[in-house]
Amino acid sequence: MLPLDDDTLDRTFSALAHPVRRAILGRLARGEVASVTDLAEPFDISLVAVSRHVGVLEEAGLISRKREGRVRWCRYEEAAISEAKDWIETHQRYWSTQLDALARYLKGGE
């Protein structure tokens, strides 16, 4: 897997920063394909606002949209989340190693 550039990571984490977008993504991640209208149902915000949130998710590569007639169907795209997860895991391993070394030092180990 190619390393992510900063812009890609920024878009991914920025898209995940809003609770409405996380809820939309969670719904689509369960394998559901839904229209923007369907995705808007549980929220007390306008269809335009939901459409903008969907646009942010699409721009980040977290979902894709396909037009069929007047309906735009949204689908979860796993690749962007997997890449962000890999980035987090890499940094988690680094910091775990560093903190383990610090703990050993503080206990009088190495």
Protein backbone atom coordinates (compact mmCIF):
# COMPACT_ATOMS: atom_id res chain seq x y z
CA MET A 1 0.00 0.00 0.00
CA LEU A 2 1.30 3.45 -0.89
CA PRO A 3 1.77 5.89 1.97
CA LEU A 4 -1.01 8.42 2.33
CA ASP A 5 -0.26 12.03 1.58
CA ASP A 6 -1.18 14.69 4.14
CA ASP A 7 -4.08 16.03 2.07
CA THR A 8 -5.70 12.60 1.89
CA LEU A 9 -5.37 12.07 5.63
CA ASP A 10 -6.63 15.58 6.33
CA ARG A 11 -9.72 15.01 4.19
CA THR A 12 -10.40 11.64 5.81
CA PHE A 13 -10.07 12.81 9.40
CA SER A 14 -11.89 16.07 8.68
CA ALA A 15 -14.78 14.10 7.20
CA LEU A 16 -14.88 11.89 10.29
CA ALA A 17 -14.90 14.91 12.62
CA HIS A 18 -18.65 15.54 12.35
CA PRO A 19 -21.22 13.31 14.11
CA VAL A 20 -23.70 13.43 11.21
CA ARG A 21 -21.04 12.26 8.77
CA ARG A 22 -19.96 9.49 11.15
CA ALA A 23 -23.58 8.36 11.47
CA ILE A 24 -24.04 8.36 7.69
CA LEU A 25 -20.81 6.43 7.24
CA GLY A 26 -21.80 3.95 9.95
CA ARG A 27 -25.09 3.27 8.23
CA LEU A 28 -23.44 2.72 4.85
CA ALA A 29 -20.65 0.62 6.41
CA ARG A 30 -23.24 -1.99 7.38
CA GLY A 31 -23.52 -2.77 3.67
CA GLU A 32 -26.55 -0.64 2.99
CA VAL A 33 -26.81 1.34 -0.23
CA ALA A 34 -28.98 4.40 0.34
CA SER A 35 -30.14 7.55 -1.38
CA VAL A 36 -29.36 10.95 0.09
CA THR A 37 -33.06 11.23 0.97
CA ASP A 38 -32.89 7.91 2.86
CA LEU A 39 -29.76 9.04 4.67
CA ALA A 40 -31.44 12.31 5.71
CA GLU A 41 -34.38 10.62 7.48
CA PRO A 42 -32.93 10.23 10.99
CA PHE A 43 -31.57 13.79 11.16
CA ASP A 44 -33.33 17.00 12.06
CA ILE A 45 -31.47 18.94 9.36
CA SER A 46 -32.32 19.90 5.80
CA LEU A 47 -31.82 17.65 2.82
CA VAL A 48 -29.37 20.25 1.50
CA ALA A 49 -27.29 19.96 4.68
CA VAL A 50 -27.24 16.16 4.45
CA SER A 51 -26.27 16.42 0.79
CA ARG A 52 -23.33 18.64 1.76
CA HIS A 53 -22.24 16.12 4.40
CA VAL A 54 -22.46 13.36 1.79
CA GLY A 55 -20.33 15.52 -0.53
CA VAL A 56 -17.63 15.84 2.14
CA LEU A 57 -17.63 12.07 2.63
CA GLU A 58 -17.41 11.53 -1.13
CA GLU A 59 -14.57 14.03 -1.51
CA ALA A 60 -12.66 12.16 1.20
CA GLY A 61 -13.18 8.90 -0.70
CA LEU A 62 -15.17 7.38 2.16
CA ILE A 63 -18.27 6.88 0.02
CA SER A 64 -19.15 6.88 -3.65
CA ARG A 65 -22.34 8.08 -5.32
CA LYS A 66 -23.95 6.68 -8.43
CA ARG A 67 -26.74 8.45 -10.25
CA GLU A 68 -29.69 6.39 -11.47
CA GLY A 69 -32.30 8.70 -12.95
CA ARG A 70 -33.03 11.36 -10.34
CA VAL A 71 -31.69 9.31 -7.44
CA ARG A 72 -28.10 9.36 -6.23
CA TRP A 73 -27.23 6.12 -4.47
CA CYS A 74 -24.49 6.22 -1.84
CA ARG A 75 -22.18 3.32 -1.09
CA TYR A 76 -19.45 2.83 1.52
CA GLU A 77 -15.87 2.68 0.19
CA GLU A 78 -13.64 0.75 2.56
CA ALA A 79 -10.25 1.74 1.11
CA ALA A 80 -10.02 5.23 2.63
CA ILE A 81 -10.93 3.99 6.11
CA SER A 82 -8.47 1.10 5.79
CA GLU A 83 -5.69 3.50 4.85
CA ALA A 84 -6.48 5.79 7.80
CA LYS A 85 -6.60 2.74 10.09
CA ASP A 86 -3.17 1.65 8.83
CA TRP A 87 -1.81 5.14 9.53
CA ILE A 88 -3.22 5.06 13.08
CA GLU A 89 -1.85 1.56 13.72
CA THR A 90 1.61 2.59 12.55
CA HIS A 91 1.66 5.48 15.00
CA GLN A 92 0.14 3.35 17.74
CA ARG A 93 2.96 0.80 17.38
CA TYR A 94 5.57 3.58 17.51
CA TRP A 95 4.12 5.16 20.64
CA SER A 96 3.58 1.80 22.34
CA THR A 97 7.27 1.03 21.82
CA GLN A 98 8.28 4.46 23.13
CA LEU A 99 6.05 4.23 26.19
CA ASP A 100 7.23 0.69 26.96
CA ALA A 101 10.83 1.92 26.84
CA LEU A 102 9.96 4.80 29.15
CA ALA A 103 8.26 2.44 31.60
CA ARG A 104 11.34 0.18 31.64
CA TYR A 105 13.58 3.19 32.23
CA LEU A 106 11.43 4.49 35.08
CA LYS A 107 11.45 1.05 36.72
CA GLY A 108 15.25 1.09 36.60
CA GLY A 109 15.53 -1.32 33.68
CA GLU A 110 17.55 -0.30 30.66
